[in-house]
């Protein structure tokens, strides 16, 4: 069975990532085990980026060794000092694939840097080197400026049970109505949902009362936090894909 709604994030394959990550970068051997397990359990999409250390190369080596395990790939343009074309060819070489399914600008600022080139780049290479072009964003302002962009097909944005739907949801709905697809990340807020509350410090302290409330709900209704987090996101029609990362194979199995 294909779980078409979820995408496995792979930042941990190439770097130490996540506020609650205590084990550091995943070894290549375990990354391969994670990819095997994901594929066999219906997760057929991966999210990576050129700035995630050697994540692209780890995925590429896996795909080269397992040619029958075809994943849909999202990767990102991150470097404003290298041409768009060269960055795409570098990613294709790293990933050992002929075409990228979803190519994103890694931030709105990167998109703005290349904005004058987007039209020609898209017309020349869409359908040849990549199928969809998108932008990874953070703010409503960024979304608003992309809603009517004819060359941007997909938006990736943080969104989870701690985000205020009243402040962001209407923007997602506008994207949806304009034919653009929305992928959401930070499902577990980089692992904060599972962090020991006594270890939360500094600027994260205001989150404690909300995290405590989520845990109360989990205990009261006997629903694990994974299910609450995914269930909330899955309830919105405007969300096309849900991206989540893991720190280990055991964590993936639990999720």
C-alpha atoms as a PDB file:
ATOM      1  CA  UNK A   1       0.000   0.000   0.000  1.00  0.00           C
ATOM      2  CA  UNK A   2       1.296   3.450  -0.913  1.00  0.00           C
ATOM      3  CA  UNK A   3       0.979   6.052   1.826  1.00  0.00           C
ATOM      4  CA  UNK A   4       0.576   8.929  -0.604  1.00  0.00           C
ATOM      5  CA  UNK A   5       0.123  11.640   2.022  1.00  0.00           C
ATOM      6  CA  UNK A   6       3.488  11.477   3.796  1.00  0.00           C
ATOM      7  CA  UNK A   7       7.055  12.321   2.808  1.00  0.00           C
ATOM      8  CA  UNK A   8      10.135  11.173   4.698  1.00  0.00           C
ATOM      9  CA  UNK A   9      12.461  14.073   5.451  1.00  0.00           C
ATOM     10  CA  UNK A  10      16.152  13.211   5.216  1.00  0.00           C
ATOM     11  CA  UNK A  11      18.014  16.130   6.768  1.00  0.00           C
ATOM     12  CA  UNK A  12      19.246  13.713   9.458  1.00  0.00           C
ATOM     13  CA  UNK A  13      20.957  11.618   6.766  1.00  0.00           C
ATOM     14  CA  UNK A  14      23.506  14.356   6.221  1.00  0.00           C
ATOM     15  CA  UNK A  15      23.695  16.478   9.364  1.00  0.00           C
ATOM     16  CA  UNK A  16      22.799  16.807  13.049  1.00  0.00           C
ATOM     17  CA  UNK A  17      19.226  18.058  12.862  1.00  0.00           C
ATOM     18  CA  UNK A  18      16.372  18.525  15.302  1.00  0.00           C
ATOM     19  CA  UNK A  19      16.060  20.139  18.707  1.00  0.00           C
ATOM     20  CA  UNK A  20      15.328  16.781  20.340  1.00  0.00           C
ATOM     21  CA  UNK A  21      17.935  14.849  18.360  1.00  0.00           C
ATOM     22  CA  UNK A  22      20.478  13.460  20.832  1.00  0.00           C
ATOM     23  CA  UNK A  23      22.048  10.837  18.562  1.00  0.00           C
ATOM     24  CA  UNK A  24      23.363  13.165  15.842  1.00  0.00           C
ATOM     25  CA  UNK A  25      23.716  12.396  12.155  1.00  0.00           C
ATOM     26  CA  UNK A  26      22.349   9.018  11.094  1.00  0.00           C
ATOM     27  CA  UNK A  27      24.951   6.545   9.808  1.00  0.00           C
ATOM     28  CA  UNK A  28      24.750   5.567   6.144  1.00  0.00           C
ATOM     29  CA  UNK A  29      23.958   1.985   7.095  1.00  0.00           C
ATOM     30  CA  UNK A  30      20.997   3.021   9.236  1.00  0.00           C
ATOM     31  CA  UNK A  31      19.870   5.522   6.578  1.00  0.00           C
ATOM     32  CA  UNK A  32      19.710   2.602   4.124  1.00  0.00           C
ATOM     33  CA  UNK A  33      17.706   0.573   6.657  1.00  0.00           C
ATOM     34  CA  UNK A  34      15.326   3.509   7.120  1.00  0.00           C
ATOM     35  CA  UNK A  35      14.834   3.864   3.364  1.00  0.00           C
ATOM     36  CA  UNK A  36      14.199   0.121   3.015  1.00  0.00           C
ATOM     37  CA  UNK A  37      11.662   0.126   5.827  1.00  0.00           C
ATOM     38  CA  UNK A  38       9.945   3.260   4.527  1.00  0.00           C
ATOM     39  CA  UNK A  39       9.628   1.865   1.013  1.00  0.00           C
ATOM     40  CA  UNK A  40       8.305  -1.500   2.183  1.00  0.00           C
ATOM     41  CA  UNK A  41       5.725   0.264   4.344  1.00  0.00           C
ATOM     42  CA  UNK A  42       4.326   2.493   1.618  1.00  0.00           C
ATOM     43  CA  UNK A  43       6.310   5.706   2.073  1.00  0.00           C
ATOM     44  CA  UNK A  44       7.403   6.478  -1.475  1.00  0.00           C
ATOM     45  CA  UNK A  45       8.480  10.138  -1.239  1.00  0.00           C
ATOM     46  CA  UNK A  46      11.673  11.734   0.114  1.00  0.00           C
ATOM     47  CA  UNK A  47      12.528  15.335   0.933  1.00  0.00           C
ATOM     48  CA  UNK A  48      16.163  16.458   0.832  1.00  0.00           C
ATOM     49  CA  UNK A  49      18.315  19.470  -0.064  1.00  0.00           C
ATOM     50  CA  UNK A  50      21.795  20.338  -1.254  1.00  0.00           C
ATOM     51  CA  UNK A  51      22.402  22.040   2.096  1.00  0.00           C
ATOM     52  CA  UNK A  52      21.631  18.881   4.117  1.00  0.00           C
ATOM     53  CA  UNK A  53      25.261  17.764   4.200  1.00  0.00           C
ATOM     54  CA  UNK A  54      25.675  14.605   2.125  1.00  0.00           C
ATOM     55  CA  UNK A  55      21.993  13.609   2.330  1.00  0.00           C
ATOM     56  CA  UNK A  56      21.560  13.726  -1.462  1.00  0.00           C
ATOM     57  CA  UNK A  57      24.610  11.497  -1.960  1.00  0.00           C
ATOM     58  CA  UNK A  58      23.406   8.981   0.637  1.00  0.00           C
ATOM     59  CA  UNK A  59      20.036   8.778  -1.118  1.00  0.00           C
ATOM     60  CA  UNK A  60      21.764   8.512  -4.495  1.00  0.00           C
ATOM     61  CA  UNK A  61      23.922   5.625  -3.347  1.00  0.00           C
ATOM     62  CA  UNK A  62      20.873   3.844  -1.963  1.00  0.00           C
ATOM     63  CA  UNK A  63      18.914   4.333  -5.199  1.00  0.00           C
ATOM     64  CA  UNK A  64      21.882   3.125  -7.213  1.00  0.00           C
ATOM     65  CA  UNK A  65      22.017  -0.029  -5.081  1.00  0.00           C
ATOM     66  CA  UNK A  66      18.230  -0.540  -5.115  1.00  0.00           C
ATOM     67  CA  UNK A  67      17.059   0.460  -8.612  1.00  0.00           C
ATOM     68  CA  UNK A  68      13.611  -1.095  -8.112  1.00  0.00           C
ATOM     69  CA  UNK A  69      12.870   1.082  -5.075  1.00  0.00           C
ATOM     70  CA  UNK A  70      11.717   4.213  -6.878  1.00  0.00           C
ATOM     71  CA  UNK A  71      11.034   7.212  -4.635  1.00  0.00           C
ATOM     72  CA  UNK A  72       9.472  10.529  -5.619  1.00  0.00           C
ATOM     73  CA  UNK A  73      12.167  13.093  -4.796  1.00  0.00           C
ATOM     74  CA  UNK A  74      11.948  16.672  -3.553  1.00  0.00           C
ATOM     75  CA  UNK A  75      15.223  18.582  -3.351  1.00  0.00           C
ATOM     76  CA  UNK A  76      16.075  22.250  -2.984  1.00  0.00           C
ATOM     77  CA  UNK A  77      18.158  24.998  -4.526  1.00  0.00           C
ATOM     78  CA  UNK A  78      20.126  26.589  -1.698  1.00  0.00           C
ATOM     79  CA  UNK A  79      23.132  28.441  -3.102  1.00  0.00           C
ATOM     80  CA  UNK A  80      22.724  31.964  -4.515  1.00  0.00           C
ATOM     81  CA  UNK A  81      26.297  31.899  -5.838  1.00  0.00           C
ATOM     82  CA  UNK A  82      25.807  28.972  -8.225  1.00  0.00           C
ATOM     83  CA  UNK A  83      23.609  29.013 -11.327  1.00  0.00           C
ATOM     84  CA  UNK A  84      20.220  27.312 -11.204  1.00  0.00           C
ATOM     85  CA  UNK A  85      21.159  24.952 -14.012  1.00  0.00           C
ATOM     86  CA  UNK A  86      24.402  23.869 -12.360  1.00  0.00           C
ATOM     87  CA  UNK A  87      22.689  23.276  -9.020  1.00  0.00           C
ATOM     88  CA  UNK A  88      20.071  21.069 -10.664  1.00  0.00           C
ATOM     89  CA  UNK A  89      22.701  19.019 -12.515  1.00  0.00           C
ATOM     90  CA  UNK A  90      24.684  18.652  -9.273  1.00  0.00           C
ATOM     91  CA  UNK A  91      21.594  17.330  -7.491  1.00  0.00           C
ATOM     92  CA  UNK A  92      20.822  14.926 -10.319  1.00  0.00           C
ATOM     93  CA  UNK A  93      24.361  13.595 -10.134  1.00  0.00           C
ATOM     94  CA  UNK A  94      24.225  13.250  -6.343  1.00  0.00           C
ATOM     95  CA  UNK A  95      20.834  11.538  -6.411  1.00  0.00           C
ATOM     96  CA  UNK A  96      21.689   9.278  -9.358  1.00  0.00           C
ATOM     97  CA  UNK A  97      18.405  10.128 -11.091  1.00  0.00           C
ATOM     98  CA  UNK A  98      17.499  11.620 -14.475  1.00  0.00           C
ATOM     99  CA  UNK A  99      14.787  14.013 -13.319  1.00  0.00           C
ATOM    100  CA  UNK A 100      13.785  15.675 -10.053  1.00  0.00           C
ATOM    101  CA  UNK A 101      10.098  15.346  -9.256  1.00  0.00           C
ATOM    102  CA  UNK A 102       9.806  18.487  -7.118  1.00  0.00           C
ATOM    103  CA  UNK A 103      12.455  21.206  -7.200  1.00  0.00           C
ATOM    104  CA  UNK A 104      12.127  23.930  -4.560  1.00  0.00           C
ATOM    105  CA  UNK A 105      13.936  27.131  -3.737  1.00  0.00           C
ATOM    106  CA  UNK A 106      15.131  26.503  -0.192  1.00  0.00           C
ATOM    107  CA  UNK A 107      13.883  29.879   1.016  1.00  0.00           C
ATOM    108  CA  UNK A 108      11.947  32.863  -0.207  1.00  0.00           C
ATOM    109  CA  UNK A 109      15.181  34.864  -0.222  1.00  0.00           C
ATOM    110  CA  UNK A 110      16.805  32.349  -2.583  1.00  0.00           C
ATOM    111  CA  UNK A 111      13.729  32.534  -4.806  1.00  0.00           C
ATOM    112  CA  UNK A 112      13.910  36.357  -4.863  1.00  0.00           C
ATOM    113  CA  UNK A 113      17.605  36.217  -5.760  1.00  0.00           C
ATOM    114  CA  UNK A 114      16.793  34.149  -8.857  1.00  0.00           C
ATOM    115  CA  UNK A 115      13.368  35.657  -9.593  1.00  0.00           C
ATOM    116  CA  UNK A 116      14.383  37.249 -12.898  1.00  0.00           C
ATOM    117  CA  UNK A 117      15.564  33.859 -14.142  1.00  0.00           C
ATOM    118  CA  UNK A 118      12.594  31.775 -13.011  1.00  0.00           C
ATOM    119  CA  UNK A 119      10.475  32.190 -16.164  1.00  0.00           C
ATOM    120  CA  UNK A 120      13.192  31.197 -18.638  1.00  0.00           C
ATOM    121  CA  UNK A 121      14.506  28.468 -16.322  1.00  0.00           C
ATOM    122  CA  UNK A 122      11.037  26.959 -15.933  1.00  0.00           C
ATOM    123  CA  UNK A 123      10.200  27.150 -19.623  1.00  0.00           C
ATOM    124  CA  UNK A 124      13.496  25.517 -20.574  1.00  0.00           C
ATOM    125  CA  UNK A 125      13.792  22.759 -17.978  1.00  0.00           C
ATOM    126  CA  UNK A 126      10.334  21.966 -16.565  1.00  0.00           C
ATOM    127  CA  UNK A 127       9.428  18.468 -17.712  1.00  0.00           C
ATOM    128  CA  UNK A 128      13.046  17.835 -18.662  1.00  0.00           C
ATOM    129  CA  UNK A 129      15.112  18.180 -15.490  1.00  0.00           C
ATOM    130  CA  UNK A 130      12.230  18.595 -13.017  1.00  0.00           C
ATOM    131  CA  UNK A 131       8.429  18.263 -12.962  1.00  0.00           C
ATOM    132  CA  UNK A 132       7.329  20.842 -10.378  1.00  0.00           C
ATOM    133  CA  UNK A 133       8.874  24.092  -9.158  1.00  0.00           C
ATOM    134  CA  UNK A 134       8.218  25.455  -5.694  1.00  0.00           C
ATOM    135  CA  UNK A 135       9.417  27.514  -2.738  1.00  0.00           C
ATOM    136  CA  UNK A 136      10.039  26.633   0.902  1.00  0.00           C
ATOM    137  CA  UNK A 137       8.611  29.489   2.971  1.00  0.00           C
ATOM    138  CA  UNK A 138       8.186  30.673   6.563  1.00  0.00           C
ATOM    139  CA  UNK A 139       5.827  33.667   6.618  1.00  0.00           C
ATOM    140  CA  UNK A 140       2.380  34.664   5.396  1.00  0.00           C
ATOM    141  CA  UNK A 141       3.969  37.583   3.559  1.00  0.00           C
ATOM    142  CA  UNK A 142       5.985  35.133   1.496  1.00  0.00           C
ATOM    143  CA  UNK A 143       2.898  33.044   0.743  1.00  0.00           C
ATOM    144  CA  UNK A 144       0.958  36.126  -0.330  1.00  0.00           C
ATOM    145  CA  UNK A 145       3.639  37.047  -2.853  1.00  0.00           C
ATOM    146  CA  UNK A 146       3.610  33.561  -4.379  1.00  0.00           C
ATOM    147  CA  UNK A 147      -0.117  32.916  -4.652  1.00  0.00           C
ATOM    148  CA  UNK A 148      -0.364  34.259  -8.201  1.00  0.00           C
ATOM    149  CA  UNK A 149       3.098  33.281  -9.453  1.00  0.00           C
ATOM    150  CA  UNK A 150       2.387  31.224 -12.601  1.00  0.00           C
ATOM    151  CA  UNK A 151       5.701  29.348 -12.433  1.00  0.00           C
ATOM    152  CA  UNK A 152       5.447  28.169  -8.821  1.00  0.00           C
ATOM    153  CA  UNK A 153       3.443  24.957  -8.426  1.00  0.00           C
ATOM    154  CA  UNK A 154       4.156  23.990  -4.837  1.00  0.00           C
ATOM    155  CA  UNK A 155       4.735  25.627  -1.448  1.00  0.00           C
ATOM    156  CA  UNK A 156       6.438  23.982   1.527  1.00  0.00           C
ATOM    157  CA  UNK A 157       5.723  25.511   4.920  1.00  0.00           C
ATOM    158  CA  UNK A 158       5.923  24.779   8.649  1.00  0.00           C
ATOM    159  CA  UNK A 159       2.538  23.877  10.130  1.00  0.00           C
ATOM    160  CA  UNK A 160       1.571  21.728  13.123  1.00  0.00           C
ATOM    161  CA  UNK A 161      -0.824  21.488  16.051  1.00  0.00           C
ATOM    162  CA  UNK A 162       0.849  24.490  17.715  1.00  0.00           C
ATOM    163  CA  UNK A 163       0.450  26.733  14.656  1.00  0.00           C
ATOM    164  CA  UNK A 164      -2.483  29.107  14.651  1.00  0.00           C
ATOM    165  CA  UNK A 165      -4.795  28.109  11.811  1.00  0.00           C
ATOM    166  CA  UNK A 166      -6.530  31.488  12.071  1.00  0.00           C
ATOM    167  CA  UNK A 167      -3.276  33.209  11.091  1.00  0.00           C
ATOM    168  CA  UNK A 168      -2.070  30.869   8.355  1.00  0.00           C
ATOM    169  CA  UNK A 169      -4.882  28.576   7.270  1.00  0.00           C
ATOM    170  CA  UNK A 170      -6.637  31.127   5.066  1.00  0.00           C
ATOM    171  CA  UNK A 171      -3.411  31.649   3.111  1.00  0.00           C
ATOM    172  CA  UNK A 172      -3.119  27.911   2.533  1.00  0.00           C
ATOM    173  CA  UNK A 173      -6.707  27.844   1.339  1.00  0.00           C
ATOM    174  CA  UNK A 174      -5.941  30.627  -1.146  1.00  0.00           C
ATOM    175  CA  UNK A 175      -3.003  28.607  -2.479  1.00  0.00           C
ATOM    176  CA  UNK A 176      -5.267  25.581  -2.802  1.00  0.00           C
ATOM    177  CA  UNK A 177      -7.937  27.558  -4.657  1.00  0.00           C
ATOM    178  CA  UNK A 178      -5.247  28.905  -7.003  1.00  0.00           C
ATOM    179  CA  UNK A 179      -4.223  25.372  -7.955  1.00  0.00           C
ATOM    180  CA  UNK A 180      -1.009  25.291  -5.921  1.00  0.00           C
ATOM    181  CA  UNK A 181      -0.100  22.357  -3.709  1.00  0.00           C
ATOM    182  CA  UNK A 182       0.956  22.743  -0.097  1.00  0.00           C
ATOM    183  CA  UNK A 183       3.429  20.461   1.686  1.00  0.00           C
ATOM    184  CA  UNK A 184       3.834  21.011   5.428  1.00  0.00           C
ATOM    185  CA  UNK A 185       6.888  20.315   7.552  1.00  0.00           C
ATOM    186  CA  UNK A 186       7.793  20.598  11.273  1.00  0.00           C
ATOM    187  CA  UNK A 187       5.056  18.100  12.138  1.00  0.00           C
ATOM    188  CA  UNK A 188       6.677  17.531  15.537  1.00  0.00           C
ATOM    189  CA  UNK A 189       8.356  20.955  15.696  1.00  0.00           C
ATOM    190  CA  UNK A 190      11.815  19.359  15.303  1.00  0.00           C
ATOM    191  CA  UNK A 191      10.992  16.836  18.019  1.00  0.00           C
ATOM    192  CA  UNK A 192       9.898  19.331  20.692  1.00  0.00           C
ATOM    193  CA  UNK A 193       6.599  17.469  21.153  1.00  0.00           C
ATOM    194  CA  UNK A 194       8.561  14.535  22.596  1.00  0.00           C
ATOM    195  CA  UNK A 195      11.144  16.499  24.572  1.00  0.00           C
ATOM    196  CA  UNK A 196      11.264  16.209  28.360  1.00  0.00           C
ATOM    197  CA  UNK A 197       9.513  19.356  29.583  1.00  0.00           C
ATOM    198  CA  UNK A 198      12.149  19.892  32.274  1.00  0.00           C
ATOM    199  CA  UNK A 199      14.778  20.219  29.520  1.00  0.00           C
ATOM    200  CA  UNK A 200      12.964  23.036  27.717  1.00  0.00           C
ATOM    201  CA  UNK A 201      14.738  26.323  28.286  1.00  0.00           C
ATOM    202  CA  UNK A 202      15.193  29.894  27.078  1.00  0.00           C
ATOM    203  CA  UNK A 203      12.959  30.973  24.183  1.00  0.00           C
ATOM    204  CA  UNK A 204      11.050  27.663  24.195  1.00  0.00           C
ATOM    205  CA  UNK A 205       9.735  28.056  27.753  1.00  0.00           C
ATOM    206  CA  UNK A 206       6.421  29.680  26.579  1.00  0.00           C
ATOM    207  CA  UNK A 207       5.633  26.417  24.761  1.00  0.00           C
ATOM    208  CA  UNK A 208       5.587  24.364  27.955  1.00  0.00           C
ATOM    209  CA  UNK A 209       1.925  24.973  28.800  1.00  0.00           C
ATOM    210  CA  UNK A 210       0.836  23.968  25.299  1.00  0.00           C
ATOM    211  CA  UNK A 211       3.025  20.865  25.245  1.00  0.00           C
ATOM    212  CA  UNK A 212       1.666  19.903  28.659  1.00  0.00           C
ATOM    213  CA  UNK A 213      -1.899  20.334  27.379  1.00  0.00           C
ATOM    214  CA  UNK A 214      -1.189  18.101  24.361  1.00  0.00           C
ATOM    215  CA  UNK A 215       0.153  15.411  26.680  1.00  0.00           C
ATOM    216  CA  UNK A 216      -2.921  15.694  28.887  1.00  0.00           C
ATOM    217  CA  UNK A 217      -5.115  15.124  25.834  1.00  0.00           C
ATOM    218  CA  UNK A 218      -2.965  12.180  24.780  1.00  0.00           C
ATOM    219  CA  UNK A 219      -3.334  10.560  28.196  1.00  0.00           C
ATOM    220  CA  UNK A 220      -7.022  11.374  28.629  1.00  0.00           C
ATOM    221  CA  UNK A 221      -8.115   9.939  25.285  1.00  0.00           C
ATOM    222  CA  UNK A 222      -5.384   7.276  25.017  1.00  0.00           C
ATOM    223  CA  UNK A 223      -4.173   8.624  21.673  1.00  0.00           C
ATOM    224  CA  UNK A 224      -0.418   8.866  21.117  1.00  0.00           C
ATOM    225  CA  UNK A 225       1.093  12.225  20.170  1.00  0.00           C
ATOM    226  CA  UNK A 226       2.134  10.914  16.738  1.00  0.00           C
ATOM    227  CA  UNK A 227      -1.509  10.256  15.900  1.00  0.00           C
ATOM    228  CA  UNK A 228      -2.646  13.618  17.238  1.00  0.00           C
ATOM    229  CA  UNK A 229      -0.005  15.465  15.208  1.00  0.00           C
ATOM    230  CA  UNK A 230      -0.673  13.622  11.943  1.00  0.00           C
ATOM    231  CA  UNK A 231      -4.430  13.518  12.450  1.00  0.00           C
ATOM    232  CA  UNK A 232      -4.614  17.281  12.848  1.00  0.00           C
ATOM    233  CA  UNK A 233      -2.727  17.913   9.613  1.00  0.00           C
ATOM    234  CA  UNK A 234      -4.610  15.213   7.742  1.00  0.00           C
ATOM    235  CA  UNK A 235      -7.900  16.942   8.555  1.00  0.00           C
ATOM    236  CA  UNK A 236      -7.168  19.814   6.149  1.00  0.00           C
ATOM    237  CA  UNK A 237      -7.995  19.340   2.471  1.00  0.00           C
ATOM    238  CA  UNK A 238      -5.538  22.065   1.451  1.00  0.00           C
ATOM    239  CA  UNK A 239      -2.559  20.028   2.696  1.00  0.00           C
ATOM    240  CA  UNK A 240      -1.196  17.847  -0.082  1.00  0.00           C
ATOM    241  CA  UNK A 241       1.749  16.202   1.700  1.00  0.00           C
ATOM    242  CA  UNK A 242       3.054  15.913   5.279  1.00  0.00           C
ATOM    243  CA  UNK A 243       6.840  15.813   5.748  1.00  0.00           C
ATOM    244  CA  UNK A 244       8.403  14.255   8.833  1.00  0.00           C
ATOM    245  CA  UNK A 245      11.927  13.267   9.757  1.00  0.00           C
ATOM    246  CA  UNK A 246      13.296  10.598  12.065  1.00  0.00           C
ATOM    247  CA  UNK A 247      16.460  10.166  14.132  1.00  0.00           C
ATOM    248  CA  UNK A 248      16.528   6.370  13.892  1.00  0.00           C
ATOM    249  CA  UNK A 249      14.917   3.299  12.357  1.00  0.00           C
ATOM    250  CA  UNK A 250      13.164   2.551  15.655  1.00  0.00           C
ATOM    251  CA  UNK A 251      11.604   6.002  15.637  1.00  0.00           C
ATOM    252  CA  UNK A 252      10.286   5.431  12.113  1.00  0.00           C
ATOM    253  CA  UNK A 253       8.790   2.091  13.161  1.00  0.00           C
ATOM    254  CA  UNK A 254       7.063   3.753  16.108  1.00  0.00           C
ATOM    255  CA  UNK A 255       5.639   6.539  13.953  1.00  0.00           C
END
